[in-house]
Structures are given as C-alpha cells and as structure tokens.
N, C-alpha and C. Protein backbone atom coordinates (compact mmCIF):
# COMPACT_ATOMS: atom_id res chain seq x y z
N MET A 1 -16.12 -1.85 -7.44
CA MET A 1 -14.99 -1.53 -6.65
C MET A 1 -14.84 -2.55 -5.62
N LYS A 2 -13.47 -3.01 -5.44
CA LYS A 2 -13.28 -3.97 -4.23
C LYS A 2 -13.36 -3.29 -3.09
N GLN A 3 -13.71 -3.95 -2.05
CA GLN A 3 -13.94 -3.44 -0.65
C GLN A 3 -12.86 -3.94 0.33
N GLY A 4 -12.47 -3.20 1.35
CA GLY A 4 -11.60 -3.68 2.37
C GLY A 4 -10.19 -3.45 2.08
N MET A 5 -9.38 -3.87 3.09
CA MET A 5 -7.85 -3.70 2.89
C MET A 5 -7.38 -4.97 2.34
N ARG A 6 -6.90 -4.83 1.11
CA ARG A 6 -6.44 -6.01 0.38
C ARG A 6 -4.97 -5.96 0.14
N LEU A 7 -4.29 -4.96 0.44
CA LEU A 7 -2.87 -4.80 0.29
C LEU A 7 -2.24 -4.33 1.62
N PHE A 8 -1.13 -5.06 1.92
CA PHE A 8 -0.32 -4.84 3.05
C PHE A 8 1.09 -4.73 2.52
N VAL A 9 1.79 -3.63 2.79
CA VAL A 9 3.19 -3.37 2.32
C VAL A 9 4.18 -3.38 3.59
N TYR A 10 5.15 -4.22 3.50
CA TYR A 10 6.22 -4.21 4.49
C TYR A 10 7.47 -3.60 4.08
N PRO A 11 8.08 -2.70 4.93
CA PRO A 11 9.23 -2.18 4.68
C PRO A 11 10.40 -3.28 4.86
N VAL A 12 11.33 -3.41 4.05
CA VAL A 12 12.50 -4.47 4.03
C VAL A 12 13.74 -3.79 3.73
N ARG A 13 14.78 -4.28 4.43
CA ARG A 13 16.10 -3.81 4.17
C ARG A 13 16.83 -4.54 3.11
N ASP A 14 16.59 -5.92 3.10
CA ASP A 14 17.23 -6.86 2.15
C ASP A 14 16.15 -7.44 1.24
N ILE A 15 15.95 -6.87 0.08
CA ILE A 15 14.86 -7.35 -0.78
C ILE A 15 14.91 -8.84 -1.19
N ALA A 16 16.14 -9.35 -1.54
CA ALA A 16 16.36 -10.73 -1.92
C ALA A 16 16.03 -11.61 -0.78
N ARG A 17 16.49 -11.28 0.33
CA ARG A 17 16.19 -12.16 1.57
C ARG A 17 14.78 -12.17 1.89
N ALA A 18 14.05 -10.94 1.86
CA ALA A 18 12.65 -10.97 2.23
C ALA A 18 11.85 -11.67 1.19
N LYS A 19 12.24 -11.57 -0.10
CA LYS A 19 11.46 -12.12 -1.20
C LYS A 19 11.52 -13.71 -0.93
N ALA A 20 12.79 -14.28 -0.61
CA ALA A 20 12.86 -15.71 -0.46
C ALA A 20 11.95 -16.10 0.75
N LEU A 21 11.93 -15.38 1.82
CA LEU A 21 11.10 -15.70 3.00
C LEU A 21 9.67 -15.64 2.57
N TYR A 22 9.10 -14.61 2.02
CA TYR A 22 7.66 -14.43 1.78
C TYR A 22 7.27 -15.42 0.60
N ARG A 23 8.12 -15.77 -0.28
CA ARG A 23 7.73 -16.71 -1.25
C ARG A 23 7.48 -18.14 -0.61
N GLU A 24 8.43 -18.41 0.41
CA GLU A 24 8.18 -19.76 1.09
C GLU A 24 6.94 -19.66 1.93
N MET A 25 6.77 -18.53 2.63
CA MET A 25 5.66 -18.44 3.63
C MET A 25 4.35 -18.45 2.84
N LEU A 26 4.28 -17.72 1.70
CA LEU A 26 2.99 -17.59 1.00
C LEU A 26 2.77 -18.71 0.05
N GLY A 27 3.79 -19.52 -0.27
CA GLY A 27 3.71 -20.53 -1.27
C GLY A 27 3.45 -20.10 -2.70
N VAL A 28 3.74 -18.89 -3.07
CA VAL A 28 3.46 -18.42 -4.45
C VAL A 28 4.73 -17.67 -4.97
N GLU A 29 4.81 -17.55 -6.28
CA GLU A 29 5.88 -16.64 -6.83
C GLU A 29 5.35 -15.21 -6.83
N PRO A 30 6.35 -14.22 -6.86
CA PRO A 30 5.83 -12.89 -6.87
C PRO A 30 5.23 -12.48 -8.23
N TYR A 31 4.18 -11.75 -8.33
CA TYR A 31 3.71 -11.37 -9.56
C TYR A 31 4.42 -10.14 -10.11
N ALA A 32 4.90 -9.40 -9.17
CA ALA A 32 5.82 -8.14 -9.48
C ALA A 32 7.17 -8.39 -8.81
N ASP A 33 8.26 -8.19 -9.55
CA ASP A 33 9.50 -8.44 -8.98
C ASP A 33 10.46 -7.36 -9.61
N GLN A 34 10.48 -6.25 -9.00
CA GLN A 34 11.27 -5.11 -9.38
C GLN A 34 12.24 -4.66 -8.25
N PRO A 35 13.26 -4.01 -8.58
CA PRO A 35 14.22 -3.64 -7.43
C PRO A 35 13.53 -2.65 -6.39
N TYR A 36 12.44 -1.96 -6.78
CA TYR A 36 11.79 -1.08 -5.95
C TYR A 36 10.46 -1.62 -5.34
N TYR A 37 10.05 -2.77 -5.77
CA TYR A 37 8.80 -3.41 -5.11
C TYR A 37 8.80 -4.86 -5.57
N VAL A 38 8.40 -5.80 -4.63
CA VAL A 38 8.07 -7.13 -4.80
C VAL A 38 6.66 -7.33 -4.32
N GLY A 39 5.83 -7.90 -5.24
CA GLY A 39 4.44 -8.15 -4.74
C GLY A 39 4.02 -9.54 -4.99
N PHE A 40 3.23 -10.04 -4.02
CA PHE A 40 2.75 -11.40 -4.06
C PHE A 40 1.20 -11.39 -3.99
N ARG A 41 0.57 -12.11 -4.74
CA ARG A 41 -0.90 -12.23 -4.59
C ARG A 41 -1.31 -13.70 -4.12
N THR A 42 -2.11 -13.71 -3.27
CA THR A 42 -2.67 -14.89 -2.71
C THR A 42 -4.15 -14.71 -2.45
N GLY A 43 -5.00 -15.38 -3.25
CA GLY A 43 -6.42 -15.06 -3.20
C GLY A 43 -6.60 -13.61 -3.56
N ASP A 44 -7.43 -12.88 -2.75
CA ASP A 44 -7.71 -11.49 -2.98
C ASP A 44 -6.74 -10.59 -2.21
N GLN A 45 -5.82 -11.17 -1.61
CA GLN A 45 -4.89 -10.46 -0.75
C GLN A 45 -3.48 -10.19 -1.48
N GLU A 46 -2.91 -8.91 -1.39
CA GLU A 46 -1.62 -8.71 -1.80
C GLU A 46 -0.68 -8.34 -0.77
N ILE A 47 0.50 -8.92 -0.77
CA ILE A 47 1.51 -8.61 0.20
C ILE A 47 2.68 -8.03 -0.65
N GLY A 48 3.12 -6.83 -0.25
CA GLY A 48 4.18 -6.09 -0.93
C GLY A 48 5.34 -5.91 -0.06
N LEU A 49 6.53 -5.90 -0.67
CA LEU A 49 7.76 -5.68 0.02
C LEU A 49 8.45 -4.43 -0.68
N ASP A 50 8.70 -3.41 0.23
CA ASP A 50 9.27 -2.15 -0.24
C ASP A 50 10.59 -1.86 0.36
N PRO A 51 11.67 -2.07 -0.49
CA PRO A 51 13.03 -1.82 0.13
C PRO A 51 13.39 -0.35 0.32
N ASN A 52 12.52 0.55 -0.06
CA ASN A 52 12.69 1.94 0.22
C ASN A 52 11.75 2.46 1.43
N GLY A 53 11.01 1.57 1.87
CA GLY A 53 10.09 1.97 2.90
C GLY A 53 10.65 2.55 4.17
N HIS A 54 11.67 2.01 4.75
CA HIS A 54 12.39 2.57 5.90
C HIS A 54 12.76 3.96 5.69
N SER A 55 13.39 4.24 4.51
CA SER A 55 13.94 5.57 4.18
C SER A 55 12.77 6.58 3.95
N ARG A 56 11.58 6.03 3.70
CA ARG A 56 10.42 6.94 3.55
C ARG A 56 9.58 7.04 4.86
N GLY A 57 10.08 6.55 5.85
CA GLY A 57 9.44 6.73 7.14
C GLY A 57 8.54 5.56 7.68
N MET A 58 8.59 4.40 6.86
CA MET A 58 7.72 3.27 7.18
C MET A 58 8.38 2.64 8.49
N THR A 59 7.62 2.48 9.61
CA THR A 59 8.13 1.87 10.75
C THR A 59 7.58 0.41 10.96
N GLY A 60 6.64 0.00 10.04
CA GLY A 60 6.10 -1.34 10.01
C GLY A 60 5.18 -1.36 8.86
N PRO A 61 4.43 -2.44 8.68
CA PRO A 61 3.64 -2.68 7.61
C PRO A 61 2.47 -1.68 7.56
N ILE A 62 2.01 -1.37 6.43
CA ILE A 62 0.87 -0.43 6.17
C ILE A 62 -0.20 -1.24 5.36
N GLY A 63 -1.42 -1.21 5.99
CA GLY A 63 -2.56 -1.77 5.27
C GLY A 63 -3.24 -0.66 4.41
N TYR A 64 -3.63 -1.02 3.20
CA TYR A 64 -4.10 -0.01 2.24
C TYR A 64 -5.61 -0.32 1.95
N LEU A 65 -6.44 0.69 2.21
CA LEU A 65 -7.87 0.50 1.93
C LEU A 65 -8.09 0.96 0.40
N GLU A 66 -8.73 0.09 -0.39
CA GLU A 66 -8.99 0.38 -1.71
C GLU A 66 -10.19 1.37 -1.82
N VAL A 67 -9.96 2.55 -2.51
CA VAL A 67 -11.01 3.48 -2.58
C VAL A 67 -11.18 3.91 -4.11
N GLY A 68 -12.34 4.42 -4.40
CA GLY A 68 -12.59 4.81 -5.89
C GLY A 68 -12.16 6.17 -6.17
N ASP A 69 -12.20 7.10 -5.10
CA ASP A 69 -11.80 8.53 -5.26
C ASP A 69 -10.91 8.92 -4.07
N ILE A 70 -9.65 8.63 -4.38
CA ILE A 70 -8.64 8.87 -3.36
C ILE A 70 -8.56 10.24 -2.83
N ARG A 71 -8.70 11.19 -3.71
CA ARG A 71 -8.63 12.59 -3.30
C ARG A 71 -9.82 13.01 -2.45
N GLY A 72 -10.93 12.52 -2.80
CA GLY A 72 -12.17 12.78 -2.04
C GLY A 72 -12.04 12.19 -0.65
N ARG A 73 -11.59 10.92 -0.51
CA ARG A 73 -11.45 10.19 0.68
C ARG A 73 -10.41 10.81 1.60
N VAL A 74 -9.23 11.37 0.99
CA VAL A 74 -8.30 12.00 1.71
C VAL A 74 -8.88 13.26 2.39
N ARG A 75 -9.72 14.05 1.71
CA ARG A 75 -10.29 15.29 2.19
C ARG A 75 -11.30 14.84 3.32
N SER A 76 -12.20 13.85 3.18
CA SER A 76 -13.05 13.50 4.13
C SER A 76 -12.51 12.97 5.41
N LEU A 77 -11.34 12.21 5.24
CA LEU A 77 -10.67 11.75 6.47
C LEU A 77 -9.95 12.87 7.28
N LEU A 78 -9.37 13.86 6.39
CA LEU A 78 -8.65 14.86 7.04
C LEU A 78 -9.74 15.70 7.91
N ALA A 79 -10.98 15.86 7.28
CA ALA A 79 -12.05 16.59 8.04
C ALA A 79 -12.48 15.85 9.24
N ALA A 80 -12.21 14.54 9.20
CA ALA A 80 -12.61 13.67 10.33
C ALA A 80 -11.48 13.60 11.46
N GLY A 81 -10.38 14.31 11.27
CA GLY A 81 -9.37 14.22 12.25
C GLY A 81 -8.11 13.52 11.85
N ALA A 82 -8.00 12.96 10.73
CA ALA A 82 -6.73 12.42 10.33
C ALA A 82 -5.73 13.43 9.95
N ARG A 83 -4.44 13.06 9.97
CA ARG A 83 -3.34 14.00 9.54
C ARG A 83 -2.70 13.39 8.34
N GLU A 84 -2.39 14.25 7.42
CA GLU A 84 -1.68 13.78 6.18
C GLU A 84 -0.23 13.47 6.51
N ARG A 85 0.17 12.27 6.11
CA ARG A 85 1.66 11.89 6.28
C ARG A 85 2.34 11.99 4.88
N GLN A 86 1.62 11.43 3.84
CA GLN A 86 2.25 11.49 2.51
C GLN A 86 0.93 11.72 1.55
N GLY A 87 1.01 12.82 0.86
CA GLY A 87 -0.09 13.13 -0.06
C GLY A 87 -0.30 12.11 -1.12
N VAL A 88 -1.18 12.26 -2.01
CA VAL A 88 -1.59 11.35 -3.05
C VAL A 88 -0.36 11.33 -4.04
N THR A 89 0.11 10.08 -4.23
CA THR A 89 1.36 9.88 -5.06
C THR A 89 1.02 8.76 -6.10
N ASP A 90 1.45 8.91 -7.36
CA ASP A 90 1.38 7.90 -8.37
C ASP A 90 2.55 7.01 -8.29
N VAL A 91 2.39 5.73 -7.94
CA VAL A 91 3.50 4.85 -7.73
C VAL A 91 3.82 3.90 -8.90
N GLY A 92 3.25 4.42 -10.12
CA GLY A 92 3.35 3.66 -11.29
C GLY A 92 2.06 3.02 -11.85
N GLY A 93 1.96 3.03 -13.12
CA GLY A 93 0.79 2.39 -13.81
C GLY A 93 -0.54 3.04 -13.46
N GLY A 94 -0.50 4.28 -12.98
CA GLY A 94 -1.72 4.96 -12.66
C GLY A 94 -2.27 4.61 -11.09
N LYS A 95 -1.54 3.79 -10.50
CA LYS A 95 -1.93 3.39 -9.10
C LYS A 95 -1.61 4.49 -8.21
N LEU A 96 -2.54 5.01 -7.43
CA LEU A 96 -2.35 6.19 -6.51
C LEU A 96 -2.31 5.63 -5.10
N ILE A 97 -1.45 6.23 -4.24
CA ILE A 97 -1.51 5.92 -2.76
C ILE A 97 -1.42 7.20 -1.97
N ALA A 98 -1.83 7.09 -0.73
CA ALA A 98 -1.68 8.21 0.23
C ALA A 98 -1.57 7.56 1.60
N TRP A 99 -0.83 8.31 2.48
CA TRP A 99 -0.72 7.86 3.88
C TRP A 99 -1.31 8.95 4.75
N LEU A 100 -2.20 8.52 5.72
CA LEU A 100 -2.80 9.41 6.66
C LEU A 100 -2.39 8.84 8.01
N GLU A 101 -2.56 9.60 9.15
CA GLU A 101 -2.34 9.13 10.45
C GLU A 101 -3.55 9.36 11.24
N ASP A 102 -3.83 8.37 12.17
CA ASP A 102 -4.98 8.58 13.04
C ASP A 102 -4.38 9.48 14.29
N ALA A 103 -5.24 9.64 15.26
CA ALA A 103 -4.77 10.51 16.36
C ALA A 103 -3.68 9.86 17.16
N ASP A 104 -3.50 8.59 17.08
CA ASP A 104 -2.40 7.94 17.90
C ASP A 104 -1.19 7.81 17.05
N GLY A 105 -1.15 8.35 15.81
CA GLY A 105 -0.02 8.18 14.91
C GLY A 105 0.17 6.86 14.06
N ASN A 106 -1.00 6.06 14.11
CA ASN A 106 -1.00 4.92 13.33
C ASN A 106 -1.19 5.24 11.82
N VAL A 107 -0.46 4.61 10.96
CA VAL A 107 -0.57 5.05 9.50
C VAL A 107 -1.63 4.28 8.91
N ILE A 108 -2.50 4.96 8.08
CA ILE A 108 -3.48 4.41 7.34
C ILE A 108 -3.22 4.71 5.77
N GLY A 109 -3.21 3.60 5.08
CA GLY A 109 -2.91 3.70 3.70
C GLY A 109 -4.18 3.70 2.86
N LEU A 110 -4.21 4.45 1.83
CA LEU A 110 -5.35 4.47 0.86
C LEU A 110 -4.65 4.14 -0.47
N GLN A 111 -5.43 3.40 -1.29
CA GLN A 111 -5.02 3.17 -2.71
C GLN A 111 -6.06 3.26 -3.58
N GLN A 112 -5.82 3.73 -4.88
CA GLN A 112 -6.76 3.79 -5.89
C GLN A 112 -6.11 3.13 -7.15
N THR A 113 -6.67 2.04 -7.60
CA THR A 113 -6.00 1.36 -8.71
C THR A 113 -6.75 1.99 -9.98
N PRO A 114 -6.10 1.93 -11.08
CA PRO A 114 -6.75 2.53 -12.27
C PRO A 114 -8.10 1.98 -12.61
N ASP A 115 -8.48 0.82 -12.18
CA ASP A 115 -9.81 0.21 -12.53
C ASP A 115 -10.84 0.47 -11.41
N SER A 116 -10.36 1.32 -10.32
CA SER A 116 -11.33 1.45 -9.28
C SER A 116 -11.76 2.93 -9.07
N GLY A 117 -11.33 3.81 -10.07
CA GLY A 117 -11.64 5.22 -10.04
C GLY A 117 -13.14 5.46 -10.22
N PRO A 118 -13.56 6.73 -10.02
CA PRO A 118 -14.96 7.09 -10.05
C PRO A 118 -15.65 6.79 -11.42
N GLU A 119 -14.91 6.79 -12.45
CA GLU A 119 -15.33 6.40 -13.79
C GLU A 119 -15.46 4.98 -14.08
N ALA A 120 -14.91 4.15 -13.20
CA ALA A 120 -14.99 2.66 -13.37
C ALA A 120 -16.33 2.11 -12.86
C-alpha cells in the first residue's frame, strides 16, 4: 500500500481555465480529462480538479490519505474525535473516498483505490 497524502483535489469553477493553468504549472498533460474531474500525475503526486467541488461544500483543496481499509479508518478516526462530513462514496472505478473534519473544521480526505484494499 502507498503511504502518505498523494492526492490533492481543488474545487474549480471553470474547468477549462483551471486545466490550462495546471497543465502549464505542472508541465504535464492530464491523465484523466472528464467533465466531472481532471487529474494530473507528476511523480507520485496527483493533483485533481473538481468542477463540482464548490457545490459539494469544498472551500479549498483537500488532501487525501491513501488507506487500505477506508471503512475501518473512518471508524477509528471518528472514535478519535473526527466528525463525518461525507461518508464513504464510490467515485468511479472502485475508488472510494470519505471526508472527515478535525476539531477545527479542517477537512481530511481518505481514499482507497481498488489495488490498496485489505485483500491487496
């Protein structure tokens, strides 16, 4: 399983304009280019652009921690004092995400990719 926060997703209002800026800034073409998500990979880091983020309550970028058992990690973090903001959601291709908040309202993202589950 990969360790650390390897994905940061930014809410954007104009996906075409944001895509042009991030393409120039990162110096790479997007690996995913859909109306609902544009993703760039540079090294082990992924930068995502979400045109629906603002309407879903994103107020800024969210860093996602890669986990092998997202439901188990949500339970353990809730027990440690986190609050659930968005439960476990399949965002396509078997990729699962969840949003939690710390005591100060900062959003913590969790992600489980199909190859990082407990059986992997």
